[in-house]
Amino acid sequence: LDLDPEAPRIDADVGQLEQVLLNLCVNARDAIEGDG
């Protein structure tokens, strides 16, 4: 994780953003063979 403390707040549905992160990380997992 590399988080910028200056990143502005946004109007968002937290559950939906969590779904976005989960989907992208699962896709990344399937694309990585071996260590990554």
Full PDB file with SEQRES, HELIX, SHEET, SSBOND, CRYST1, ORIGX, SCALE, CONECT and MASTER records, all heavy atoms in Angstrom:
SEQRES   1 A   36  LEU ASP LEU ASP PRO GLU ALA PRO ARG ILE ASP ALA ASP          
SEQRES   2 A   36  VAL GLY GLN LEU GLU GLN VAL LEU LEU ASN LEU CYS VAL          
SEQRES   3 A   36  ASN ALA ARG ASP ALA ILE GLU GLY ASP GLY                      
HELIX    1 AA1 VAL A   14  ALA A   31  1                                  18    
CRYST1    1.000    1.000    1.000  90.00  90.00  90.00 P 1           1          
ORIGX1      1.000000  0.000000  0.000000        0.00000                         
ORIGX2      0.000000  1.000000  0.000000        0.00000                         
ORIGX3      0.000000  0.000000  1.000000        0.00000                         
SCALE1      1.000000  0.000000  0.000000        0.00000                         
SCALE2      0.000000  1.000000  0.000000        0.00000                         
SCALE3      0.000000  0.000000  1.000000        0.00000                         
ATOM      1  N   LEU A   1       0.847  -1.195   0.000  1.00  0.00           N  
ATOM      2  CA  LEU A   1       0.000   0.000   0.000  1.00  0.00           C  
ATOM      3  C   LEU A   1       0.881   1.243   0.000  1.00  0.00           C  
ATOM      4  O   LEU A   1       1.844   1.333   0.771  1.00  0.00           O  
ATOM      5  CB  LEU A   1      -0.922   0.022   1.226  1.00  0.00           C  
ATOM      6  CG  LEU A   1      -1.792  -1.217   1.468  1.00  0.00           C  
ATOM      7  CD1 LEU A   1      -2.687  -0.983   2.684  1.00  0.00           C  
ATOM      8  CD2 LEU A   1      -2.630  -1.552   0.242  1.00  0.00           C  
ATOM      9  N   ASP A   2       0.562   2.203  -0.855  1.00  0.00           N  
ATOM     10  CA  ASP A   2       1.267   3.482  -0.910  1.00  0.00           C  
ATOM     11  C   ASP A   2       0.198   4.573  -0.936  1.00  0.00           C  
ATOM     12  O   ASP A   2      -0.346   4.899  -2.003  1.00  0.00           O  
ATOM     13  CB  ASP A   2       2.164   3.546  -2.147  1.00  0.00           C  
ATOM     14  CG  ASP A   2       2.957   4.842  -2.206  1.00  0.00           C  
ATOM     15  OD1 ASP A   2       2.945   5.600  -1.215  1.00  0.00           O  
ATOM     16  OD2 ASP A   2       3.577   5.118  -3.259  1.00  0.00           O  
ATOM     17  N   LEU A   3      -0.113   5.130   0.237  1.00  0.00           N  
ATOM     18  CA  LEU A   3      -1.261   6.021   0.379  1.00  0.00           C  
ATOM     19  C   LEU A   3      -0.799   7.460   0.595  1.00  0.00           C  
ATOM     20  O   LEU A   3       0.028   7.747   1.474  1.00  0.00           O  
ATOM     21  CB  LEU A   3      -2.137   5.563   1.545  1.00  0.00           C  
ATOM     22  CG  LEU A   3      -2.549   4.072   1.516  1.00  0.00           C  
ATOM     23  CD1 LEU A   3      -3.413   3.745   2.713  1.00  0.00           C  
ATOM     24  CD2 LEU A   3      -3.260   3.733   0.221  1.00  0.00           C  
ATOM     25  N   ASP A   4      -1.343   8.349  -0.207  1.00  0.00           N  
ATOM     26  CA  ASP A   4      -1.013   9.768  -0.131  1.00  0.00           C  
ATOM     27  C   ASP A   4      -1.930  10.447   0.899  1.00  0.00           C  
ATOM     28  O   ASP A   4      -3.152  10.494   0.710  1.00  0.00           O  
ATOM     29  CB  ASP A   4      -1.201  10.403  -1.515  1.00  0.00           C  
ATOM     30  CG  ASP A   4      -0.851  11.881  -1.526  1.00  0.00           C  
ATOM     31  OD1 ASP A   4      -0.472  12.414  -0.465  1.00  0.00           O  
ATOM     32  OD2 ASP A   4      -0.947  12.493  -2.606  1.00  0.00           O  
ATOM     33  N   PRO A   5      -1.366  10.993   1.981  1.00  0.00           N  
ATOM     34  CA  PRO A   5      -2.221  11.631   2.996  1.00  0.00           C  
ATOM     35  C   PRO A   5      -2.950  12.863   2.475  1.00  0.00           C  
ATOM     36  O   PRO A   5      -3.932  13.311   3.084  1.00  0.00           O  
ATOM     37  CB  PRO A   5      -1.228  12.005   4.104  1.00  0.00           C  
ATOM     38  CG  PRO A   5       0.108  12.053   3.430  1.00  0.00           C  
ATOM     39  CD  PRO A   5       0.055  11.028   2.345  1.00  0.00           C  
ATOM     40  N   GLU A   6      -2.508  13.398   1.327  1.00  0.00           N  
ATOM     41  CA  GLU A   6      -3.135  14.582   0.762  1.00  0.00           C  
ATOM     42  C   GLU A   6      -4.271  14.244  -0.208  1.00  0.00           C  
ATOM     43  O   GLU A   6      -4.897  15.146  -0.774  1.00  0.00           O  
ATOM     44  CB  GLU A   6      -2.084  15.439   0.034  1.00  0.00           C  
ATOM     45  CG  GLU A   6      -0.944  15.912   0.922  1.00  0.00           C  
ATOM     46  CD  GLU A   6      -1.449  16.774   2.064  1.00  0.00           C  
ATOM     47  OE1 GLU A   6      -2.378  17.587   1.837  1.00  0.00           O  
ATOM     48  OE2 GLU A   6      -0.924  16.642   3.187  1.00  0.00           O  
ATOM     49  N   ALA A   7      -4.522  12.958  -0.445  1.00  0.00           N  
ATOM     50  CA  ALA A   7      -5.594  12.574  -1.372  1.00  0.00           C  
ATOM     51  C   ALA A   7      -6.927  13.102  -0.858  1.00  0.00           C  
ATOM     52  O   ALA A   7      -7.291  12.858   0.296  1.00  0.00           O  
ATOM     53  CB  ALA A   7      -5.650  11.055  -1.513  1.00  0.00           C  
ATOM     54  N   PRO A   8      -7.682  13.840  -1.681  1.00  0.00           N  
ATOM     55  CA  PRO A   8      -8.935  14.441  -1.203  1.00  0.00           C  
ATOM     56  C   PRO A   8     -10.015  13.390  -0.954  1.00  0.00           C  
ATOM     57  O   PRO A   8      -9.983  12.295  -1.509  1.00  0.00           O  
ATOM     58  CB  PRO A   8      -9.335  15.372  -2.349  1.00  0.00           C  
ATOM     59  CG  PRO A   8      -8.704  14.779  -3.562  1.00  0.00           C  
ATOM     60  CD  PRO A   8      -7.420  14.171  -3.098  1.00  0.00           C  
ATOM     61  N   ARG A   9     -10.963  13.734  -0.104  1.00  0.00           N  
ATOM     62  CA  ARG A   9     -12.108  12.871   0.136  1.00  0.00           C  
ATOM     63  C   ARG A   9     -13.011  12.892  -1.093  1.00  0.00           C  
ATOM     64  O   ARG A   9     -13.020  13.863  -1.867  1.00  0.00           O  
ATOM     65  CB  ARG A   9     -12.882  13.335   1.369  1.00  0.00           C  
ATOM     66  CG  ARG A   9     -12.065  13.310   2.649  1.00  0.00           C  
ATOM     67  CD  ARG A   9     -12.872  13.843   3.820  1.00  0.00           C  
ATOM     68  NE  ARG A   9     -13.901  12.882   4.228  1.00  0.00           N  
ATOM     69  CZ  ARG A   9     -13.684  11.886   5.078  1.00  0.00           C  
ATOM     70  NH1 ARG A   9     -12.482  11.696   5.606  1.00  0.00           N  
ATOM     71  NH2 ARG A   9     -14.669  11.070   5.416  1.00  0.00           N  
ATOM     72  N   ILE A  10     -13.773  11.830  -1.277  1.00  0.00           N  
ATOM     73  CA  ILE A  10     -14.697  11.740  -2.405  1.00  0.00           C  
ATOM     74  C   ILE A  10     -16.066  11.311  -1.905  1.00  0.00           C  
ATOM     75  O   ILE A  10     -16.189  10.747  -0.802  1.00  0.00           O  
ATOM     76  CB  ILE A  10     -14.196  10.739  -3.479  1.00  0.00           C  
ATOM     77  CG1 ILE A  10     -14.163   9.314  -2.910  1.00  0.00           C  
ATOM     78  CG2 ILE A  10     -12.835  11.150  -4.014  1.00  0.00           C  
ATOM     79  CD1 ILE A  10     -13.839   8.263  -3.942  1.00  0.00           C  
ATOM     80  N   ASP A  11     -17.099  11.598  -2.681  1.00  0.00           N  
ATOM     81  CA  ASP A  11     -18.452  11.132  -2.362  1.00  0.00           C  
ATOM     82  C   ASP A  11     -18.615   9.753  -2.978  1.00  0.00           C  
ATOM     83  O   ASP A  11     -18.657   9.626  -4.211  1.00  0.00           O  
ATOM     84  CB  ASP A  11     -19.500  12.099  -2.924  1.00  0.00           C  
ATOM     85  CG  ASP A  11     -19.475  13.435  -2.201  1.00  0.00           C  
ATOM     86  OD1 ASP A  11     -19.113  13.453  -1.017  1.00  0.00           O  
ATOM     87  OD2 ASP A  11     -19.815  14.458  -2.827  1.00  0.00           O  
ATOM     88  N   ALA A  12     -18.668   8.711  -2.158  1.00  0.00           N  
ATOM     89  CA  ALA A  12     -18.647   7.352  -2.696  1.00  0.00           C  
ATOM     90  C   ALA A  12     -19.389   6.395  -1.785  1.00  0.00           C  
ATOM     91  O   ALA A  12     -19.596   6.650  -0.596  1.00  0.00           O  
ATOM     92  CB  ALA A  12     -17.200   6.885  -2.879  1.00  0.00           C  
ATOM     93  N   ASP A  13     -19.774   5.261  -2.383  1.00  0.00           N  
ATOM     94  CA  ASP A  13     -20.337   4.137  -1.657  1.00  0.00           C  
ATOM     95  C   ASP A  13     -19.175   3.231  -1.271  1.00  0.00           C  
ATOM     96  O   ASP A  13     -18.519   2.642  -2.128  1.00  0.00           O  
ATOM     97  CB  ASP A  13     -21.343   3.393  -2.541  1.00  0.00           C  
ATOM     98  CG  ASP A  13     -22.066   2.285  -1.804  1.00  0.00           C  
ATOM     99  OD1 ASP A  13     -21.390   1.452  -1.171  1.00  0.00           O  
ATOM    100  OD2 ASP A  13     -23.309   2.245  -1.861  1.00  0.00           O  
ATOM    101  N   VAL A  14     -18.906   3.138   0.019  1.00  0.00           N  
ATOM    102  CA  VAL A  14     -17.739   2.394   0.488  1.00  0.00           C  
ATOM    103  C   VAL A  14     -17.783   0.935   0.033  1.00  0.00           C  
ATOM    104  O   VAL A  14     -16.777   0.362  -0.396  1.00  0.00           O  
ATOM    105  CB  VAL A  14     -17.633   2.482   2.030  1.00  0.00           C  
ATOM    106  CG1 VAL A  14     -16.500   1.594   2.545  1.00  0.00           C  
ATOM    107  CG2 VAL A  14     -17.402   3.923   2.459  1.00  0.00           C  
ATOM    108  N   GLY A  15     -18.956   0.323   0.137  1.00  0.00           N  
ATOM    109  CA  GLY A  15     -19.080  -1.075  -0.278  1.00  0.00           C  
ATOM    110  C   GLY A  15     -18.723  -1.284  -1.733  1.00  0.00           C  
ATOM    111  O   GLY A  15     -18.080  -2.273  -2.103  1.00  0.00           O  
ATOM    112  N   GLN A  16     -19.107  -0.333  -2.593  1.00  0.00           N  
ATOM    113  CA  GLN A  16     -18.791  -0.440  -4.016  1.00  0.00           C  
ATOM    114  C   GLN A  16     -17.290  -0.289  -4.248  1.00  0.00           C  
ATOM    115  O   GLN A  16     -16.704  -0.995  -5.076  1.00  0.00           O  
ATOM    116  CB  GLN A  16     -19.555   0.635  -4.802  1.00  0.00           C  
ATOM    117  CG  GLN A  16     -21.062   0.475  -4.776  1.00  0.00           C  
ATOM    118  CD  GLN A  16     -21.548  -0.517  -5.820  1.00  0.00           C  
ATOM    119  OE1 GLN A  16     -20.857  -1.451  -6.182  1.00  0.00           O  
ATOM    120  NE2 GLN A  16     -22.747  -0.308  -6.306  1.00  0.00           N  
ATOM    121  N   LEU A  17     -16.655   0.648  -3.544  1.00  0.00           N  
ATOM    122  CA  LEU A  17     -15.204   0.809  -3.696  1.00  0.00           C  
ATOM    123  C   LEU A  17     -14.460  -0.433  -3.220  1.00  0.00           C  
ATOM    124  O   LEU A  17     -13.454  -0.830  -3.818  1.00  0.00           O  
ATOM    125  CB  LEU A  17     -14.729   2.034  -2.918  1.00  0.00           C  
ATOM    126  CG  LEU A  17     -15.165   3.398  -3.448  1.00  0.00           C  
ATOM    127  CD1 LEU A  17     -14.510   4.505  -2.633  1.00  0.00           C  
ATOM    128  CD2 LEU A  17     -14.801   3.563  -4.929  1.00  0.00           C  
ATOM    129  N   GLU A  18     -14.952  -1.048  -2.150  1.00  0.00           N  
ATOM    130  CA  GLU A  18     -14.343  -2.293  -1.694  1.00  0.00           C  
ATOM    131  C   GLU A  18     -14.475  -3.382  -2.758  1.00  0.00           C  
ATOM    132  O   GLU A  18     -13.556  -4.173  -2.983  1.00  0.00           O  
ATOM    133  CB  GLU A  18     -15.005  -2.743  -0.391  1.00  0.00           C  
ATOM    134  CG  GLU A  18     -14.680  -1.844   0.793  1.00  0.00           C  
ATOM    135  CD  GLU A  18     -15.460  -2.210   2.045  1.00  0.00           C  
ATOM    136  OE1 GLU A  18     -16.444  -2.969   1.921  1.00  0.00           O  
ATOM    137  OE2 GLU A  18     -15.094  -1.745   3.129  1.00  0.00           O  
ATOM    138  N   GLN A  19     -15.632  -3.421  -3.443  1.00  0.00           N  
ATOM    139  CA  GLN A  19     -15.841  -4.388  -4.523  1.00  0.00           C  
ATOM    140  C   GLN A  19     -14.855  -4.145  -5.654  1.00  0.00           C  
ATOM    141  O   GLN A  19     -14.311  -5.084  -6.247  1.00  0.00           O  
ATOM    142  CB  GLN A  19     -17.272  -4.278  -5.037  1.00  0.00           C  
ATOM    143  CG  GLN A  19     -17.638  -5.311  -6.093  1.00  0.00           C  
ATOM    144  CD  GLN A  19     -17.727  -6.704  -5.510  1.00  0.00           C  
ATOM    145  OE1 GLN A  19     -18.383  -6.928  -4.517  1.00  0.00           O  
ATOM    146  NE2 GLN A  19     -17.044  -7.651  -6.137  1.00  0.00           N  
ATOM    147  N   VAL A  20     -14.598  -2.873  -5.983  1.00  0.00           N  
ATOM    148  CA  VAL A  20     -13.634  -2.520  -7.025  1.00  0.00           C  
ATOM    149  C   VAL A  20     -12.251  -3.066  -6.682  1.00  0.00           C  
ATOM    150  O   VAL A  20     -11.585  -3.716  -7.497  1.00  0.00           O  
ATOM    151  CB  VAL A  20     -13.586  -0.990  -7.211  1.00  0.00           C  
ATOM    152  CG1 VAL A  20     -12.335  -0.574  -7.985  1.00  0.00           C  
ATOM    153  CG2 VAL A  20     -14.824  -0.500  -7.939  1.00  0.00           C  
ATOM    154  N   LEU A  21     -11.797  -2.799  -5.458  1.00  0.00           N  
ATOM    155  CA  LEU A  21     -10.466  -3.252  -5.049  1.00  0.00           C  
ATOM    156  C   LEU A  21     -10.367  -4.773  -5.044  1.00  0.00           C  
ATOM    157  O   LEU A  21      -9.359  -5.344  -5.484  1.00  0.00           O  
ATOM    158  CB  LEU A  21     -10.153  -2.697  -3.657  1.00  0.00           C  
ATOM    159  CG  LEU A  21      -9.840  -1.200  -3.602  1.00  0.00           C  
ATOM    160  CD1 LEU A  21      -9.820  -0.716  -2.164  1.00  0.00           C  
ATOM    161  CD2 LEU A  21      -8.510  -0.910  -4.280  1.00  0.00           C  
ATOM    162  N   LEU A  22     -11.408  -5.428  -4.558  1.00  0.00           N  
ATOM    163  CA  LEU A  22     -11.391  -6.895  -4.501  1.00  0.00           C  
ATOM    164  C   LEU A  22     -11.326  -7.486  -5.911  1.00  0.00           C  
ATOM    165  O   LEU A  22     -10.535  -8.387  -6.184  1.00  0.00           O  
ATOM    166  CB  LEU A  22     -12.624  -7.399  -3.760  1.00  0.00           C  
ATOM    167  CG  LEU A  22     -12.708  -8.918  -3.557  1.00  0.00           C  
ATOM    168  CD1 LEU A  22     -11.524  -9.412  -2.758  1.00  0.00           C  
ATOM    169  CD2 LEU A  22     -14.009  -9.294  -2.872  1.00  0.00           C  
ATOM    170  N   ASN A  23     -12.146  -6.966  -6.835  1.00  0.00           N  
ATOM    171  CA  ASN A  23     -12.151  -7.478  -8.208  1.00  0.00           C  
ATOM    172  C   ASN A  23     -10.785  -7.307  -8.867  1.00  0.00           C  
ATOM    173  O   ASN A  23     -10.277  -8.221  -9.530  1.00  0.00           O  
ATOM    174  CB  ASN A  23     -13.210  -6.749  -9.042  1.00  0.00           C  
ATOM    175  CG  ASN A  23     -14.615  -7.258  -8.766  1.00  0.00           C  
ATOM    176  OD1 ASN A  23     -14.808  -8.127  -7.927  1.00  0.00           O  
ATOM    177  ND2 ASN A  23     -15.595  -6.710  -9.448  1.00  0.00           N  
ATOM    178  N   LEU A  24     -10.190  -6.131  -8.715  1.00  0.00           N  
ATOM    179  CA  LEU A  24      -8.905  -5.865  -9.354  1.00  0.00           C  
ATOM    180  C   LEU A  24      -7.801  -6.738  -8.764  1.00  0.00           C  
ATOM    181  O   LEU A  24      -6.925  -7.222  -9.500  1.00  0.00           O  
ATOM    182  CB  LEU A  24      -8.548  -4.390  -9.214  1.00  0.00           C  
ATOM    183  CG  LEU A  24      -9.426  -3.420 -10.016  1.00  0.00           C  
ATOM    184  CD1 LEU A  24      -9.028  -1.978  -9.733  1.00  0.00           C  
ATOM    185  CD2 LEU A  24      -9.341  -3.700 -11.517  1.00  0.00           C  
ATOM    186  N   CYS A  25      -7.830  -6.956  -7.455  1.00  0.00           N  
ATOM    187  CA  CYS A  25      -6.800  -7.789  -6.839  1.00  0.00           C  
ATOM    188  C   CYS A  25      -6.964  -9.264  -7.215  1.00  0.00           C  
ATOM    189  O   CYS A  25      -5.975  -9.988  -7.390  1.00  0.00           O  
ATOM    190  CB  CYS A  25      -6.818  -7.610  -5.326  1.00  0.00           C  
ATOM    191  SG  CYS A  25      -6.148  -6.015  -4.798  1.00  0.00           S  
ATOM    192  N   VAL A  26      -8.194  -9.720  -7.362  1.00  0.00           N  
ATOM    193  CA  VAL A  26      -8.422 -11.103  -7.806  1.00  0.00           C  
ATOM    194  C   VAL A  26      -7.942 -11.273  -9.249  1.00  0.00           C  
ATOM    195  O   VAL A  26      -7.309 -12.282  -9.598  1.00  0.00           O  
ATOM    196  CB  VAL A  26      -9.913 -11.470  -7.669  1.00  0.00           C  
ATOM    197  CG1 VAL A  26     -10.209 -12.774  -8.396  1.00  0.00           C  
ATOM    198  CG2 VAL A  26     -10.291 -11.600  -6.205  1.00  0.00           C  
ATOM    199  N   ASN A  27      -8.200 -10.284 -10.107  1.00  0.00           N  
ATOM    200  CA  ASN A  27      -7.693 -10.342 -11.478  1.00  0.00           C  
ATOM    201  C   ASN A  27      -6.171 -10.377 -11.490  1.00  0.00           C  
ATOM    202  O   ASN A  27      -5.555 -11.102 -12.280  1.00  0.00           O  
ATOM    203  CB  ASN A  27      -8.189  -9.131 -12.273  1.00  0.00           C  
ATOM    204  CG  ASN A  27      -9.600  -9.306 -12.779  1.00  0.00           C  
ATOM    205  OD1 ASN A  27     -10.197 -10.374 -12.636  1.00  0.00           O  
ATOM    206  ND2 ASN A  27     -10.171  -8.269 -13.351  1.00  0.00           N  
ATOM    207  N   ALA A  28      -5.550  -9.547 -10.622  1.00  0.00           N  
ATOM    208  CA  ALA A  28      -4.093  -9.536 -10.544  1.00  0.00           C  
ATOM    209  C   ALA A  28      -3.561 -10.888 -10.093  1.00  0.00           C  
ATOM    210  O   ALA A  28      -2.564 -11.393 -10.624  1.00  0.00           O  
ATOM    211  CB  ALA A  28      -3.644  -8.432  -9.583  1.00  0.00           C  
ATOM    212  N   ARG A  29      -4.239 -11.490  -9.119  1.00  0.00           N  
ATOM    213  CA  ARG A  29      -3.825 -12.815  -8.647  1.00  0.00           C  
ATOM    214  C   ARG A  29      -3.814 -13.829  -9.777  1.00  0.00           C  
ATOM    215  O   ARG A  29      -2.867 -14.606  -9.935  1.00  0.00           O  
ATOM    216  CB  ARG A  29      -4.789 -13.272  -7.548  1.00  0.00           C  
ATOM    217  CG  ARG A  29      -4.533 -14.688  -7.022  1.00  0.00           C  
ATOM    218  CD  ARG A  29      -5.764 -15.211  -6.319  1.00  0.00           C  
ATOM    219  NE  ARG A  29      -6.873 -15.411  -7.255  1.00  0.00           N  
ATOM    220  CZ  ARG A  29      -8.115 -15.675  -6.874  1.00  0.00           C  
ATOM    221  NH1 ARG A  29      -8.418 -15.727  -5.583  1.00  0.00           N  
ATOM    222  NH2 ARG A  29      -9.070 -15.848  -7.772  1.00  0.00           N  
ATOM    223  N   ASP A  30      -4.863 -13.817 -10.597  1.00  0.00           N  
ATOM    224  CA  ASP A  30      -4.962 -14.787 -11.690  1.00  0.00           C  
ATOM    225  C   ASP A  30      -3.934 -14.525 -12.788  1.00  0.00           C  
ATOM    226  O   ASP A  30      -3.616 -15.427 -13.562  1.00  0.00           O  
ATOM    227  CB  ASP A  30      -6.375 -14.754 -12.287  1.00  0.00           C  
ATOM    228  CG  ASP A  30      -7.433 -15.212 -11.289  1.00  0.00           C  
ATOM    229  OD1 ASP A  30      -7.059 -15.892 -10.315  1.00  0.00           O  
ATOM    230  OD2 ASP A  30      -8.609 -14.874 -11.476  1.00  0.00           O  
ATOM    231  N   ALA A  31      -3.434 -13.282 -12.873  1.00  0.00           N  
ATOM    232  CA  ALA A  31      -2.474 -12.934 -13.929  1.00  0.00           C  
ATOM    233  C   ALA A  31      -1.035 -13.217 -13.518  1.00  0.00           C  
ATOM    234  O   ALA A  31      -0.133 -13.180 -14.363  1.00  0.00           O  
ATOM    235  CB  ALA A  31      -2.621 -11.459 -14.310  1.00  0.00           C  
ATOM    236  N   ILE A  32      -0.798 -13.474 -12.235  1.00  0.00           N  
ATOM    237  CA  ILE A  32       0.565 -13.673 -11.734  1.00  0.00           C  
ATOM    238  C   ILE A  32       0.846 -15.161 -11.576  1.00  0.00           C  
ATOM    239  O   ILE A  32       0.140 -15.863 -10.863  1.00  0.00           O  
ATOM    240  CB  ILE A  32       0.763 -12.951 -10.390  1.00  0.00           C  
ATOM    241  CG1 ILE A  32       0.601 -11.436 -10.559  1.00  0.00           C  
ATOM    242  CG2 ILE A  32       2.134 -13.273  -9.811  1.00  0.00           C  
ATOM    243  CD1 ILE A  32       0.648 -10.670  -9.257  1.00  0.00           C  
ATOM    244  N   GLU A  33       1.885 -15.628 -12.235  1.00  0.00           N  
ATOM    245  CA  GLU A  33       2.351 -17.008 -12.079  1.00  0.00           C  
ATOM    246  C   GLU A  33       3.589 -16.982 -11.191  1.00  0.00           C  
ATOM    247  O   GLU A  33       4.556 -16.292 -11.484  1.00  0.00           O  
ATOM    248  CB  GLU A  33       2.668 -17.635 -13.431  1.00  0.00           C  
ATOM    249  CG  GLU A  33       1.450 -17.798 -14.337  1.00  0.00           C  
ATOM    250  CD  GLU A  33       1.790 -18.502 -15.639  1.00  0.00           C  
ATOM    251  OE1 GLU A  33       2.962 -18.919 -15.778  1.00  0.00           O  
ATOM    252  OE2 GLU A  33       0.909 -18.634 -16.502  1.00  0.00           O  
ATOM    253  N   GLY A  34       3.568 -17.753 -10.111  1.00  0.00           N  
ATOM    254  CA  GLY A  34       4.699 -17.722  -9.198  1.00  0.00           C  
ATOM    255  C   GLY A  34       4.615 -16.520  -8.270  1.00  0.00           C  
ATOM    256  O   GLY A  34       3.536 -16.011  -7.965  1.00  0.00           O  
ATOM    257  N   ASP A  35       5.797 -16.069  -7.818  1.00  0.00           N  
ATOM    258  CA  ASP A  35       5.839 -14.929  -6.900  1.00  0.00           C  
ATOM    259  C   ASP A  35       5.499 -13.650  -7.643  1.00  0.00           C  
ATOM    260  O   ASP A  35       5.784 -13.502  -8.837  1.00  0.00           O  
ATOM    261  CB  ASP A  35       7.235 -14.805  -6.283  1.00  0.00           C  
ATOM    262  CG  ASP A  35       7.596 -16.027  -5.446  1.00  0.00           C  
ATOM    263  OD1 ASP A  35       6.653 -16.728  -5.017  1.00  0.00           O  
ATOM    264  OD2 ASP A  35       8.792 -16.290  -5.240  1.00  0.00           O  
ATOM    265  N   GLY A  36       4.905 -12.694  -6.912  1.00  0.00           N  
ATOM    266  CA  GLY A  36       4.536 -11.435  -7.549  1.00  0.00           C  
ATOM    267  C   GLY A  36       4.162 -10.382  -6.535  1.00  0.00           C  
ATOM    268  O   GLY A  36       4.206 -10.608  -5.319  1.00  0.00           O  
TER     269      GLY A  36                                                      
MASTER        0    0    0    1    0    0    0    6  268    1    0    3          
END                                                                             
